[in-house]
Amino acid sequence: MEEIHWSSEMKLQNSNQIIKHYNIPDKRIIIMEIQILTAKSSKLIANVSVKSNTTIQEIKEELFKLKKAPHIHRQSLRLDAKGKALPDSETLKNLSISNGGKLYFKDLGPQISWKTVFLVEYAGPLILYLWIYQRPWIFYGDITKSKVDDKIHVAAICWSIHYAKRLLETLFVHRFSHATMPLRNLFKNCSYYWIFAMYVAYHVNHPWYTAPKQFQFLVGLVTFVLCELGNLSIHLALRDLRPAGSTVRKIPVPTNNLFTLLFNFVSCPNYTYEIGSWIGFTIMTSCLPAGFFTIAGAYQMTVWAIGKHKAYKREFPQYPKTRKAIIPFVL
């Protein structure tokens, strides 16, 4: 352990607090005290002793240790009561917070891991669709049909491949920038996926379902398969941009995989391919509920893509100006 030498002491104006400077191998660290207030009522929660290089995550850990706040994943700290949550990696020095400064705390409520949310979201549509596909009599009674069209079987296979892929990506590919999300979002997200899964499955597997012509079916099937491969390729490329256990962000660029060339035109080609997959599924099944599902998903993914596109441009001044958010040359 190295010896610590005093270099100076200084009293702040209008404050009895003392800022102490220590010389520690070519680095000056300031010891100070800040206030943590509730965002709702500005009530004092705690005074916390920190250093100028203390991170937001370290403050959260200290609050949890002092039993002044719940687990760090439930905590949100911000500069203003109604401001945005501060990144865990941000330091007090970068935020220009000095001795006597204030941070506002908000309890985010019960949390659940992103991985768990994704697994529950995607397992539901897979199970529910196959349940209706395998046991149609539960939903349609004794109505029988001489022969089930092979296209219905192919549709079930495609649906299963899509959600099995999502489950495997969640387990082995995705690296999440946030550890948790509010528990209440689980019910909202599951409702969307699960209800639409049953809605689509009910119609595609109905005894009186009429399959499209062979040419239309093949066009939709090829579109679906190519877009699924494209979506997987983009997810693998994005995974390689973020080292394991980090929240590093980089400008995504094409790799040797031809499907990733779409990065030259849009910021979120994973969403572009995802929409393409569901357009293909809608064409191959000629199912109106599948079309509704595609439209709803396309709208939400467009909102996400625009948000991510703007974030890329803010974060990286050198970000390619010719890229659009989700639709090449258009949006």
C-alpha atoms as a PDB file:
ATOM      1  CA  MET A   1       0.000   0.000   0.000  1.00  0.00           C
ATOM      2  CA  GLU A   2       1.381   3.416  -0.922  1.00  0.00           C
ATOM      3  CA  GLU A   3       1.632   6.270   1.531  1.00  0.00           C
ATOM      4  CA  ILE A   4      -0.886   9.104   1.060  1.00  0.00           C
ATOM      5  CA  HIS A   5       0.440  12.686   1.350  1.00  0.00           C
ATOM      6  CA  TRP A   6      -1.689  15.730   2.141  1.00  0.00           C
ATOM      7  CA  SER A   7      -1.199  18.450  -0.444  1.00  0.00           C
ATOM      8  CA  SER A   8      -3.848  21.012   0.516  1.00  0.00           C
ATOM      9  CA  GLU A   9      -7.096  21.739   2.319  1.00  0.00           C
ATOM     10  CA  MET A  10      -9.708  24.185   1.154  1.00  0.00           C
ATOM     11  CA  LYS A  11     -13.004  25.321   2.635  1.00  0.00           C
ATOM     12  CA  LEU A  12     -15.894  25.892   0.268  1.00  0.00           C
ATOM     13  CA  GLN A  13     -17.732  29.173   0.457  1.00  0.00           C
ATOM     14  CA  ASN A  14     -21.092  28.904   2.265  1.00  0.00           C
ATOM     15  CA  SER A  15     -20.240  25.364   3.337  1.00  0.00           C
ATOM     16  CA  ASN A  16     -18.627  23.757   6.329  1.00  0.00           C
ATOM     17  CA  GLN A  17     -17.572  20.793   4.222  1.00  0.00           C
ATOM     18  CA  ILE A  18     -13.853  20.346   3.619  1.00  0.00           C
ATOM     19  CA  ILE A  19     -12.519  19.183   0.292  1.00  0.00           C
ATOM     20  CA  LYS A  20      -9.325  17.181   0.752  1.00  0.00           C
ATOM     21  CA  HIS A  21      -6.887  16.608  -2.068  1.00  0.00           C
ATOM     22  CA  TYR A  22      -4.704  13.544  -2.039  1.00  0.00           C
ATOM     23  CA  ASN A  23      -1.679  12.867  -4.154  1.00  0.00           C
ATOM     24  CA  ILE A  24      -1.903   9.301  -5.362  1.00  0.00           C
ATOM     25  CA  PRO A  25       0.623   8.351  -8.067  1.00  0.00           C
ATOM     26  CA  ASP A  26       0.099  11.178 -10.584  1.00  0.00           C
ATOM     27  CA  LYS A  27      -3.628  11.436  -9.908  1.00  0.00           C
ATOM     28  CA  ARG A  28      -5.565  13.943  -7.781  1.00  0.00           C
ATOM     29  CA  ILE A  29      -8.791  12.623  -6.287  1.00  0.00           C
ATOM     30  CA  ILE A  30     -11.261  14.871  -4.472  1.00  0.00           C
ATOM     31  CA  ILE A  31     -13.205  13.527  -1.493  1.00  0.00           C
ATOM     32  CA  MET A  32     -16.591  15.218  -1.147  1.00  0.00           C
ATOM     33  CA  GLU A  33     -20.151  14.745   0.011  1.00  0.00           C
ATOM     34  CA  ILE A  34     -23.305  14.909  -2.089  1.00  0.00           C
ATOM     35  CA  GLN A  35     -27.004  14.744  -1.286  1.00  0.00           C
ATOM     36  CA  ILE A  36     -29.389  12.115  -2.618  1.00  0.00           C
ATOM     37  CA  LEU A  37     -32.987  13.366  -2.790  1.00  0.00           C
ATOM     38  CA  THR A  38     -36.230  11.712  -3.862  1.00  0.00           C
ATOM     39  CA  ALA A  39     -37.356  12.757  -7.336  1.00  0.00           C
ATOM     40  CA  LYS A  40     -40.971  12.908  -6.207  1.00  0.00           C
ATOM     41  CA  SER A  41     -40.743  15.202  -3.159  1.00  0.00           C
ATOM     42  CA  SER A  42     -37.071  16.277  -2.988  1.00  0.00           C
ATOM     43  CA  LYS A  43     -36.868  14.670   0.462  1.00  0.00           C
ATOM     44  CA  LEU A  44     -33.338  13.920   1.634  1.00  0.00           C
ATOM     45  CA  ILE A  45     -32.512  10.212   1.495  1.00  0.00           C
ATOM     46  CA  ALA A  46     -28.844  10.268   2.421  1.00  0.00           C
ATOM     47  CA  ASN A  47     -25.587  12.177   2.337  1.00  0.00           C
ATOM     48  CA  VAL A  48     -22.994  10.111   0.522  1.00  0.00           C
ATOM     49  CA  SER A  49     -19.223  10.524   0.660  1.00  0.00           C
ATOM     50  CA  VAL A  50     -17.789  10.148  -2.817  1.00  0.00           C
ATOM     51  CA  LYS A  51     -14.791  10.909  -4.988  1.00  0.00           C
ATOM     52  CA  SER A  52     -14.708  12.964  -8.150  1.00  0.00           C
ATOM     53  CA  ASN A  53     -14.199   9.792 -10.175  1.00  0.00           C
ATOM     54  CA  THR A  54     -17.050   7.890  -8.483  1.00  0.00           C
ATOM     55  CA  THR A  55     -19.511   6.422 -10.979  1.00  0.00           C
ATOM     56  CA  ILE A  56     -23.294   6.440 -10.835  1.00  0.00           C
ATOM     57  CA  GLN A  57     -23.266   2.672 -10.367  1.00  0.00           C
ATOM     58  CA  GLU A  58     -20.977   2.995  -7.344  1.00  0.00           C
ATOM     59  CA  ILE A  59     -23.377   5.504  -5.789  1.00  0.00           C
ATOM     60  CA  LYS A  60     -26.261   3.092  -6.352  1.00  0.00           C
ATOM     61  CA  GLU A  61     -24.280   0.318  -4.704  1.00  0.00           C
ATOM     62  CA  GLU A  62     -23.545   2.568  -1.727  1.00  0.00           C
ATOM     63  CA  LEU A  63     -27.223   3.498  -1.326  1.00  0.00           C
ATOM     64  CA  PHE A  64     -28.145  -0.184  -1.374  1.00  0.00           C
ATOM     65  CA  LYS A  65     -25.392  -0.959   1.132  1.00  0.00           C
ATOM     66  CA  LEU A  66     -26.684   1.791   3.442  1.00  0.00           C
ATOM     67  CA  LYS A  67     -30.211   0.344   3.070  1.00  0.00           C
ATOM     68  CA  LYS A  68     -31.434   3.691   1.770  1.00  0.00           C
ATOM     69  CA  ALA A  69     -32.590   2.327  -1.587  1.00  0.00           C
ATOM     70  CA  PRO A  70     -33.584  -1.000  -3.177  1.00  0.00           C
ATOM     71  CA  HIS A  71     -31.330  -3.112  -5.405  1.00  0.00           C
ATOM     72  CA  ILE A  72     -29.307  -1.126  -7.938  1.00  0.00           C
ATOM     73  CA  HIS A  73     -31.406  -2.370 -10.859  1.00  0.00           C
ATOM     74  CA  ARG A  74     -34.454  -0.662  -9.333  1.00  0.00           C
ATOM     75  CA  GLN A  75     -32.622   2.632  -8.918  1.00  0.00           C
ATOM     76  CA  SER A  76     -32.632   5.581 -11.278  1.00  0.00           C
ATOM     77  CA  LEU A  77     -30.415   8.577 -10.524  1.00  0.00           C
ATOM     78  CA  ARG A  78     -30.732  11.857 -12.370  1.00  0.00           C
ATOM     79  CA  LEU A  79     -29.492  15.439 -12.243  1.00  0.00           C
ATOM     80  CA  ASP A  80     -33.005  16.890 -12.120  1.00  0.00           C
ATOM     81  CA  ALA A  81     -36.134  15.505 -10.514  1.00  0.00           C
ATOM     82  CA  LYS A  82     -37.787  15.123 -13.925  1.00  0.00           C
ATOM     83  CA  GLY A  83     -34.609  14.571 -15.910  1.00  0.00           C
ATOM     84  CA  LYS A  84     -33.309  11.508 -17.712  1.00  0.00           C
ATOM     85  CA  ALA A  85     -31.707   8.582 -15.913  1.00  0.00           C
ATOM     86  CA  LEU A  86     -27.919   8.831 -15.801  1.00  0.00           C
ATOM     87  CA  PRO A  87     -25.791   6.012 -17.279  1.00  0.00           C
ATOM     88  CA  ASP A  88     -24.163   3.773 -14.680  1.00  0.00           C
ATOM     89  CA  SER A  89     -20.722   4.404 -16.168  1.00  0.00           C
ATOM     90  CA  GLU A  90     -20.941   8.204 -15.875  1.00  0.00           C
ATOM     91  CA  THR A  91     -18.654   9.856 -13.292  1.00  0.00           C
ATOM     92  CA  LEU A  92     -19.388  12.820 -11.026  1.00  0.00           C
ATOM     93  CA  LYS A  93     -16.482  14.694 -12.584  1.00  0.00           C
ATOM     94  CA  ASN A  94     -17.957  14.379 -16.067  1.00  0.00           C
ATOM     95  CA  LEU A  95     -21.312  15.523 -14.699  1.00  0.00           C
ATOM     96  CA  SER A  96     -19.669  18.599 -13.085  1.00  0.00           C
ATOM     97  CA  ILE A  97     -21.019  17.621  -9.668  1.00  0.00           C
ATOM     98  CA  SER A  98     -18.984  19.162  -6.858  1.00  0.00           C
ATOM     99  CA  ASN A  99     -19.112  19.084  -3.069  1.00  0.00           C
ATOM    100  CA  GLY A 100     -22.666  19.633  -1.806  1.00  0.00           C
ATOM    101  CA  GLY A 101     -24.136  18.623  -5.169  1.00  0.00           C
ATOM    102  CA  LYS A 102     -27.451  16.827  -5.534  1.00  0.00           C
ATOM    103  CA  LEU A 103     -28.743  13.766  -7.322  1.00  0.00           C
ATOM    104  CA  TYR A 104     -32.379  12.720  -7.523  1.00  0.00           C
ATOM    105  CA  PHE A 105     -33.461   9.139  -6.905  1.00  0.00           C
ATOM    106  CA  LYS A 106     -36.445   7.290  -8.353  1.00  0.00           C
ATOM    107  CA  ASP A 107     -37.544   3.745  -7.562  1.00  0.00           C
ATOM    108  CA  LEU A 108     -38.240   1.975 -10.863  1.00  0.00           C
ATOM    109  CA  GLY A 109     -40.326  -0.694  -9.161  1.00  0.00           C
ATOM    110  CA  PRO A 110     -39.989  -4.489  -9.439  1.00  0.00           C
ATOM    111  CA  GLN A 111     -37.585  -5.512 -12.197  1.00  0.00           C
ATOM    112  CA  ILE A 112     -37.068  -8.580 -14.351  1.00  0.00           C
ATOM    113  CA  SER A 113     -34.075  -9.484 -16.501  1.00  0.00           C
ATOM    114  CA  TRP A 114     -34.267  -8.752 -20.220  1.00  0.00           C
ATOM    115  CA  LYS A 115     -33.256 -12.325 -21.012  1.00  0.00           C
ATOM    116  CA  THR A 116     -36.145 -13.705 -18.956  1.00  0.00           C
ATOM    117  CA  VAL A 117     -38.592 -11.334 -20.645  1.00  0.00           C
ATOM    118  CA  PHE A 118     -37.448 -12.394 -24.107  1.00  0.00           C
ATOM    119  CA  LEU A 119     -37.625 -16.086 -23.261  1.00  0.00           C
ATOM    120  CA  VAL A 120     -41.176 -15.800 -21.925  1.00  0.00           C
ATOM    121  CA  GLU A 121     -42.271 -13.566 -24.817  1.00  0.00           C
ATOM    122  CA  TYR A 122     -41.001 -15.944 -27.489  1.00  0.00           C
ATOM    123  CA  ALA A 123     -41.830 -19.257 -25.843  1.00  0.00           C
ATOM    124  CA  GLY A 124     -45.510 -18.286 -25.696  1.00  0.00           C
ATOM    125  CA  PRO A 125     -46.107 -17.876 -29.461  1.00  0.00           C
ATOM    126  CA  LEU A 126     -44.213 -21.088 -30.196  1.00  0.00           C
ATOM    127  CA  ILE A 127     -46.222 -23.163 -27.723  1.00  0.00           C
ATOM    128  CA  LEU A 128     -49.613 -21.590 -28.441  1.00  0.00           C
ATOM    129  CA  TYR A 129     -49.339 -21.841 -32.231  1.00  0.00           C
ATOM    130  CA  LEU A 130     -48.288 -25.492 -32.116  1.00  0.00           C
ATOM    131  CA  TRP A 131     -51.003 -26.247 -29.573  1.00  0.00           C
ATOM    132  CA  ILE A 132     -53.689 -25.011 -31.970  1.00  0.00           C
ATOM    133  CA  TYR A 133     -51.947 -26.662 -34.933  1.00  0.00           C
ATOM    134  CA  GLN A 134     -51.776 -30.065 -33.209  1.00  0.00           C
ATOM    135  CA  ARG A 135     -55.222 -29.985 -31.570  1.00  0.00           C
ATOM    136  CA  PRO A 136     -57.613 -28.152 -33.916  1.00  0.00           C
ATOM    137  CA  TRP A 137     -60.665 -29.995 -32.571  1.00  0.00           C
ATOM    138  CA  ILE A 138     -60.330 -28.113 -29.279  1.00  0.00           C
ATOM    139  CA  PHE A 139     -61.095 -24.876 -31.120  1.00  0.00           C
ATOM    140  CA  TYR A 140     -63.175 -25.984 -34.087  1.00  0.00           C
ATOM    141  CA  GLY A 141     -65.265 -28.795 -32.632  1.00  0.00           C
ATOM    142  CA  ASP A 142     -66.015 -31.860 -34.758  1.00  0.00           C
ATOM    143  CA  ILE A 143     -65.622 -30.058 -38.078  1.00  0.00           C
ATOM    144  CA  THR A 144     -63.414 -32.242 -40.237  1.00  0.00           C
ATOM    145  CA  LYS A 145     -61.769 -31.860 -43.574  1.00  0.00           C
ATOM    146  CA  SER A 146     -60.730 -34.697 -45.860  1.00  0.00           C
ATOM    147  CA  LYS A 147     -57.123 -33.546 -46.093  1.00  0.00           C
ATOM    148  CA  VAL A 148     -55.024 -30.838 -44.479  1.00  0.00           C
ATOM    149  CA  ASP A 149     -53.150 -28.793 -47.072  1.00  0.00           C
ATOM    150  CA  ASP A 150     -49.377 -29.243 -46.943  1.00  0.00           C
ATOM    151  CA  LYS A 151     -48.990 -25.458 -46.886  1.00  0.00           C
ATOM    152  CA  ILE A 152     -50.473 -25.444 -43.380  1.00  0.00           C
ATOM    153  CA  HIS A 153     -47.705 -27.781 -42.225  1.00  0.00           C
ATOM    154  CA  VAL A 154     -45.050 -25.599 -43.862  1.00  0.00           C
ATOM    155  CA  ALA A 155     -46.522 -22.505 -42.200  1.00  0.00           C
ATOM    156  CA  ALA A 156     -46.277 -24.221 -38.802  1.00  0.00           C
ATOM    157  CA  ILE A 157     -42.657 -25.148 -39.509  1.00  0.00           C
ATOM    158  CA  CYS A 158     -41.792 -21.572 -40.518  1.00  0.00           C
ATOM    159  CA  TRP A 159     -43.504 -20.134 -37.447  1.00  0.00           C
ATOM    160  CA  SER A 160     -41.647 -22.616 -35.226  1.00  0.00           C
ATOM    161  CA  ILE A 161     -38.290 -21.869 -36.858  1.00  0.00           C
ATOM    162  CA  HIS A 162     -38.765 -18.142 -36.315  1.00  0.00           C
ATOM    163  CA  TYR A 163     -39.501 -18.361 -32.606  1.00  0.00           C
ATOM    164  CA  ALA A 164     -37.008 -21.161 -31.958  1.00  0.00           C
ATOM    165  CA  LYS A 165     -34.395 -18.902 -33.572  1.00  0.00           C
ATOM    166  CA  ARG A 166     -35.420 -16.057 -31.294  1.00  0.00           C
ATOM    167  CA  LEU A 167     -35.124 -18.232 -28.207  1.00  0.00           C
ATOM    168  CA  LEU A 168     -31.677 -19.476 -29.213  1.00  0.00           C
ATOM    169  CA  GLU A 169     -30.525 -15.931 -30.026  1.00  0.00           C
ATOM    170  CA  THR A 170     -31.682 -14.790 -26.599  1.00  0.00           C
ATOM    171  CA  LEU A 171     -29.658 -17.542 -24.937  1.00  0.00           C
ATOM    172  CA  PHE A 172     -26.499 -17.443 -27.047  1.00  0.00           C
ATOM    173  CA  VAL A 173     -26.329 -14.322 -29.233  1.00  0.00           C
ATOM    174  CA  HIS A 174     -27.871 -11.178 -27.754  1.00  0.00           C
ATOM    175  CA  ARG A 175     -25.846  -8.984 -25.414  1.00  0.00           C
ATOM    176  CA  PHE A 176     -28.140  -6.624 -23.569  1.00  0.00           C
ATOM    177  CA  SER A 177     -27.201  -3.022 -22.799  1.00  0.00           C
ATOM    178  CA  HIS A 178     -29.503  -3.058 -19.747  1.00  0.00           C
ATOM    179  CA  ALA A 179     -29.738  -5.838 -17.185  1.00  0.00           C
ATOM    180  CA  THR A 180     -33.410  -5.450 -16.309  1.00  0.00           C
ATOM    181  CA  MET A 181     -36.696  -3.862 -17.287  1.00  0.00           C
ATOM    182  CA  PRO A 182     -39.855  -3.059 -15.254  1.00  0.00           C
ATOM    183  CA  LEU A 183     -41.840  -6.195 -14.433  1.00  0.00           C
ATOM    184  CA  ARG A 184     -45.053  -4.557 -15.671  1.00  0.00           C
ATOM    185  CA  ASN A 185     -43.663  -4.548 -19.221  1.00  0.00           C
ATOM    186  CA  LEU A 186     -43.635  -8.342 -19.205  1.00  0.00           C
ATOM    187  CA  PHE A 187     -47.428  -8.502 -19.212  1.00  0.00           C
ATOM    188  CA  LYS A 188     -47.735  -5.894 -21.959  1.00  0.00           C
ATOM    189  CA  ASN A 189     -45.181  -7.577 -24.205  1.00  0.00           C
ATOM    190  CA  CYS A 190     -46.513 -11.081 -23.631  1.00  0.00           C
ATOM    191  CA  SER A 191     -50.073  -9.970 -24.343  1.00  0.00           C
ATOM    192  CA  TYR A 192     -49.015  -8.633 -27.743  1.00  0.00           C
ATOM    193  CA  TYR A 193     -47.101 -11.733 -28.832  1.00  0.00           C
ATOM    194  CA  TRP A 194     -49.349 -14.361 -27.295  1.00  0.00           C
ATOM    195  CA  ILE A 195     -52.685 -12.950 -28.452  1.00  0.00           C
ATOM    196  CA  PHE A 196     -51.448 -12.404 -32.006  1.00  0.00           C
ATOM    197  CA  ALA A 197     -50.012 -15.941 -32.056  1.00  0.00           C
ATOM    198  CA  MET A 198     -53.410 -17.426 -31.220  1.00  0.00           C
ATOM    199  CA  TYR A 199     -55.166 -15.065 -33.643  1.00  0.00           C
ATOM    200  CA  VAL A 200     -52.941 -16.091 -36.557  1.00  0.00           C
ATOM    201  CA  ALA A 201     -52.875 -19.792 -35.630  1.00  0.00           C
ATOM    202  CA  TYR A 202     -56.661 -19.966 -35.344  1.00  0.00           C
ATOM    203  CA  HIS A 203     -57.111 -18.781 -38.935  1.00  0.00           C
ATOM    204  CA  VAL A 204     -54.206 -20.580 -40.628  1.00  0.00           C
ATOM    205  CA  ASN A 205     -55.152 -23.920 -39.047  1.00  0.00           C
ATOM    206  CA  HIS A 206     -58.909 -23.532 -39.480  1.00  0.00           C
ATOM    207  CA  PRO A 207     -60.614 -26.510 -41.203  1.00  0.00           C
ATOM    208  CA  TRP A 208     -61.983 -24.217 -43.897  1.00  0.00           C
ATOM    209  CA  TYR A 209     -58.733 -22.335 -44.455  1.00  0.00           C
ATOM    210  CA  THR A 210     -57.996 -21.826 -48.158  1.00  0.00           C
ATOM    211  CA  ALA A 211     -54.303 -21.898 -49.020  1.00  0.00           C
ATOM    212  CA  PRO A 212     -52.936 -19.610 -51.765  1.00  0.00           C
ATOM    213  CA  LYS A 213     -51.762 -20.758 -55.182  1.00  0.00           C
ATOM    214  CA  GLN A 214     -48.399 -22.497 -55.419  1.00  0.00           C
ATOM    215  CA  PHE A 215     -46.549 -19.556 -57.006  1.00  0.00           C
ATOM    216  CA  GLN A 216     -47.708 -17.108 -54.321  1.00  0.00           C
ATOM    217  CA  PHE A 217     -46.826 -19.624 -51.630  1.00  0.00           C
ATOM    218  CA  LEU A 218     -43.297 -20.121 -52.999  1.00  0.00           C
ATOM    219  CA  VAL A 219     -42.681 -16.360 -53.305  1.00  0.00           C
ATOM    220  CA  GLY A 220     -43.689 -15.903 -49.682  1.00  0.00           C
ATOM    221  CA  LEU A 221     -41.666 -18.902 -48.505  1.00  0.00           C
ATOM    222  CA  VAL A 222     -38.465 -17.777 -50.254  1.00  0.00           C
ATOM    223  CA  THR A 223     -38.924 -14.246 -48.891  1.00  0.00           C
ATOM    224  CA  PHE A 224     -39.411 -15.617 -45.388  1.00  0.00           C
ATOM    225  CA  VAL A 225     -36.337 -17.875 -45.494  1.00  0.00           C
ATOM    226  CA  LEU A 226     -34.007 -15.218 -46.932  1.00  0.00           C
ATOM    227  CA  CYS A 227     -35.127 -12.599 -44.419  1.00  0.00           C
ATOM    228  CA  GLU A 228     -34.734 -15.034 -41.514  1.00  0.00           C
ATOM    229  CA  LEU A 229     -31.151 -15.680 -42.621  1.00  0.00           C
ATOM    230  CA  GLY A 230     -30.594 -11.943 -42.980  1.00  0.00           C
ATOM    231  CA  ASN A 231     -31.989 -11.235 -39.527  1.00  0.00           C
ATOM    232  CA  LEU A 232     -29.732 -13.862 -37.944  1.00  0.00           C
ATOM    233  CA  SER A 233     -26.708 -12.497 -39.814  1.00  0.00           C
ATOM    234  CA  ILE A 234     -27.342  -8.986 -38.509  1.00  0.00           C
ATOM    235  CA  HIS A 235     -27.760 -10.198 -34.934  1.00  0.00           C
ATOM    236  CA  LEU A 236     -24.438 -12.047 -35.128  1.00  0.00           C
ATOM    237  CA  ALA A 237     -22.732  -8.949 -36.539  1.00  0.00           C
ATOM    238  CA  LEU A 238     -24.174  -6.757 -33.772  1.00  0.00           C
ATOM    239  CA  ARG A 239     -23.043  -9.268 -31.161  1.00  0.00           C
ATOM    240  CA  ASP A 240     -19.454  -9.006 -32.354  1.00  0.00           C
ATOM    241  CA  LEU A 241     -19.571  -5.217 -31.922  1.00  0.00           C
ATOM    242  CA  ARG A 242     -20.108  -5.476 -28.150  1.00  0.00           C
ATOM    243  CA  PRO A 243     -17.582  -7.354 -25.986  1.00  0.00           C
ATOM    244  CA  ALA A 244     -19.149  -9.727 -23.476  1.00  0.00           C
ATOM    245  CA  GLY A 245     -20.141  -8.053 -20.213  1.00  0.00           C
ATOM    246  CA  SER A 246     -19.888  -4.518 -21.591  1.00  0.00           C
ATOM    247  CA  THR A 247     -22.233  -1.817 -22.867  1.00  0.00           C
ATOM    248  CA  VAL A 248     -19.831  -0.591 -25.556  1.00  0.00           C
ATOM    249  CA  ARG A 249     -21.454   0.971 -28.610  1.00  0.00           C
ATOM    250  CA  LYS A 250     -19.831   1.137 -32.045  1.00  0.00           C
ATOM    251  CA  ILE A 251     -20.932   2.088 -35.536  1.00  0.00           C
ATOM    252  CA  PRO A 252     -22.222  -1.130 -37.168  1.00  0.00           C
ATOM    253  CA  VAL A 253     -20.654  -1.930 -40.536  1.00  0.00           C
ATOM    254  CA  PRO A 254     -20.979  -4.798 -43.042  1.00  0.00           C
ATOM    255  CA  THR A 255     -18.952  -7.958 -42.489  1.00  0.00           C
ATOM    256  CA  ASN A 256     -17.980 -10.662 -44.987  1.00  0.00           C
ATOM    257  CA  ASN A 257     -21.556 -11.939 -44.799  1.00  0.00           C
ATOM    258  CA  LEU A 258     -23.490 -10.596 -47.815  1.00  0.00           C
ATOM    259  CA  PHE A 259     -26.661 -10.166 -45.762  1.00  0.00           C
ATOM    260  CA  THR A 260     -24.911  -7.495 -43.679  1.00  0.00           C
ATOM    261  CA  LEU A 261     -24.449  -5.232 -46.728  1.00  0.00           C
ATOM    262  CA  LEU A 262     -27.774  -3.720 -45.712  1.00  0.00           C
ATOM    263  CA  PHE A 263     -25.811  -1.828 -43.031  1.00  0.00           C
ATOM    264  CA  ASN A 264     -24.670   0.438 -45.889  1.00  0.00           C
ATOM    265  CA  PHE A 265     -28.226   1.664 -46.289  1.00  0.00           C
ATOM    266  CA  VAL A 266     -30.005   1.480 -42.924  1.00  0.00           C
ATOM    267  CA  SER A 267     -29.101   1.675 -39.244  1.00  0.00           C
ATOM    268  CA  CYS A 268     -31.332  -1.209 -38.149  1.00  0.00           C
ATOM    269  CA  PRO A 269     -31.319  -3.896 -40.862  1.00  0.00           C
ATOM    270  CA  ASN A 270     -32.346  -6.481 -38.261  1.00  0.00           C
ATOM    271  CA  TYR A 271     -35.751  -4.767 -38.164  1.00  0.00           C
ATOM    272  CA  THR A 272     -35.820  -4.513 -41.957  1.00  0.00           C
ATOM    273  CA  TYR A 273     -35.282  -8.266 -42.281  1.00  0.00           C
ATOM    274  CA  GLU A 274     -37.765  -8.971 -39.479  1.00  0.00           C
ATOM    275  CA  ILE A 275     -40.497  -7.067 -41.288  1.00  0.00           C
ATOM    276  CA  GLY A 276     -39.525  -8.851 -44.501  1.00  0.00           C
ATOM    277  CA  SER A 277     -39.946 -12.223 -42.781  1.00  0.00           C
ATOM    278  CA  TRP A 278     -43.488 -11.423 -41.722  1.00  0.00           C
ATOM    279  CA  ILE A 279     -44.363 -10.010 -45.131  1.00  0.00           C
ATOM    280  CA  GLY A 280     -43.178 -13.336 -46.558  1.00  0.00           C
ATOM    281  CA  PHE A 281     -45.231 -15.293 -44.014  1.00  0.00           C
ATOM    282  CA  THR A 282     -48.312 -13.211 -44.845  1.00  0.00           C
ATOM    283  CA  ILE A 283     -47.849 -13.858 -48.574  1.00  0.00           C
ATOM    284  CA  MET A 284     -47.283 -17.602 -48.162  1.00  0.00           C
ATOM    285  CA  THR A 285     -50.345 -18.036 -45.935  1.00  0.00           C
ATOM    286  CA  SER A 286     -52.571 -15.377 -47.510  1.00  0.00           C
ATOM    287  CA  CYS A 287     -53.834 -14.836 -43.962  1.00  0.00           C
ATOM    288  CA  LEU A 288     -55.337 -11.462 -43.017  1.00  0.00           C
ATOM    289  CA  PRO A 289     -54.510 -11.758 -39.270  1.00  0.00           C
ATOM    290  CA  ALA A 290     -50.882 -12.420 -40.246  1.00  0.00           C
ATOM    291  CA  GLY A 291     -51.042  -9.178 -42.219  1.00  0.00           C
ATOM    292  CA  PHE A 292     -52.339  -7.324 -39.160  1.00  0.00           C
ATOM    293  CA  PHE A 293     -49.492  -8.790 -37.109  1.00  0.00           C
ATOM    294  CA  THR A 294     -47.001  -7.654 -39.750  1.00  0.00           C
ATOM    295  CA  ILE A 295     -48.380  -4.105 -39.801  1.00  0.00           C
ATOM    296  CA  ALA A 296     -48.386  -3.821 -36.001  1.00  0.00           C
ATOM    297  CA  GLY A 297     -44.840  -5.144 -35.773  1.00  0.00           C
ATOM    298  CA  ALA A 298     -43.610  -2.940 -38.620  1.00  0.00           C
ATOM    299  CA  TYR A 299     -44.982   0.159 -36.916  1.00  0.00           C
ATOM    300  CA  GLN A 300     -43.304  -0.633 -33.589  1.00  0.00           C
ATOM    301  CA  MET A 301     -39.988  -1.581 -35.190  1.00  0.00           C
ATOM    302  CA  THR A 302     -40.027   1.616 -37.236  1.00  0.00           C
ATOM    303  CA  VAL A 303     -40.409   3.647 -34.038  1.00  0.00           C
ATOM    304  CA  TRP A 304     -37.497   1.766 -32.461  1.00  0.00           C
ATOM    305  CA  ALA A 305     -35.354   2.112 -35.584  1.00  0.00           C
ATOM    306  CA  ILE A 306     -35.875   5.872 -35.810  1.00  0.00           C
ATOM    307  CA  GLY A 307     -34.927   6.232 -32.149  1.00  0.00           C
ATOM    308  CA  LYS A 308     -31.764   4.165 -32.564  1.00  0.00           C
ATOM    309  CA  HIS A 309     -30.859   5.988 -35.778  1.00  0.00           C
ATOM    310  CA  LYS A 310     -31.055   9.351 -34.004  1.00  0.00           C
ATOM    311  CA  ALA A 311     -29.009   7.983 -31.092  1.00  0.00           C
ATOM    312  CA  TYR A 312     -26.281   6.797 -33.471  1.00  0.00           C
ATOM    313  CA  LYS A 313     -26.087  10.233 -35.098  1.00  0.00           C
ATOM    314  CA  ARG A 314     -25.891  11.980 -31.721  1.00  0.00           C
ATOM    315  CA  GLU A 315     -23.232   9.654 -30.367  1.00  0.00           C
ATOM    316  CA  PHE A 316     -21.039   9.383 -33.461  1.00  0.00           C
ATOM    317  CA  PRO A 317     -20.325  12.646 -35.357  1.00  0.00           C
ATOM    318  CA  GLN A 318     -18.781  10.587 -38.175  1.00  0.00           C
ATOM    319  CA  TYR A 319     -21.893   8.424 -38.590  1.00  0.00           C
ATOM    320  CA  PRO A 320     -22.670   7.792 -42.314  1.00  0.00           C
ATOM    321  CA  LYS A 321     -25.040  10.523 -43.476  1.00  0.00           C
ATOM    322  CA  THR A 322     -26.523   8.469 -46.298  1.00  0.00           C
ATOM    323  CA  ARG A 323     -27.990   5.816 -44.018  1.00  0.00           C
ATOM    324  CA  LYS A 324     -31.688   5.762 -43.285  1.00  0.00           C
ATOM    325  CA  ALA A 325     -33.303   4.214 -40.214  1.00  0.00           C
ATOM    326  CA  ILE A 326     -35.079   1.122 -41.542  1.00  0.00           C
ATOM    327  CA  ILE A 327     -36.138   1.447 -45.209  1.00  0.00           C
ATOM    328  CA  PRO A 328     -33.289   2.073 -47.699  1.00  0.00           C
ATOM    329  CA  PHE A 329     -33.420   5.528 -49.355  1.00  0.00           C
ATOM    330  CA  VAL A 330     -36.837   6.249 -47.783  1.00  0.00           C
ATOM    331  CA  LEU A 331     -37.041   6.197 -43.974  1.00  0.00           C
END
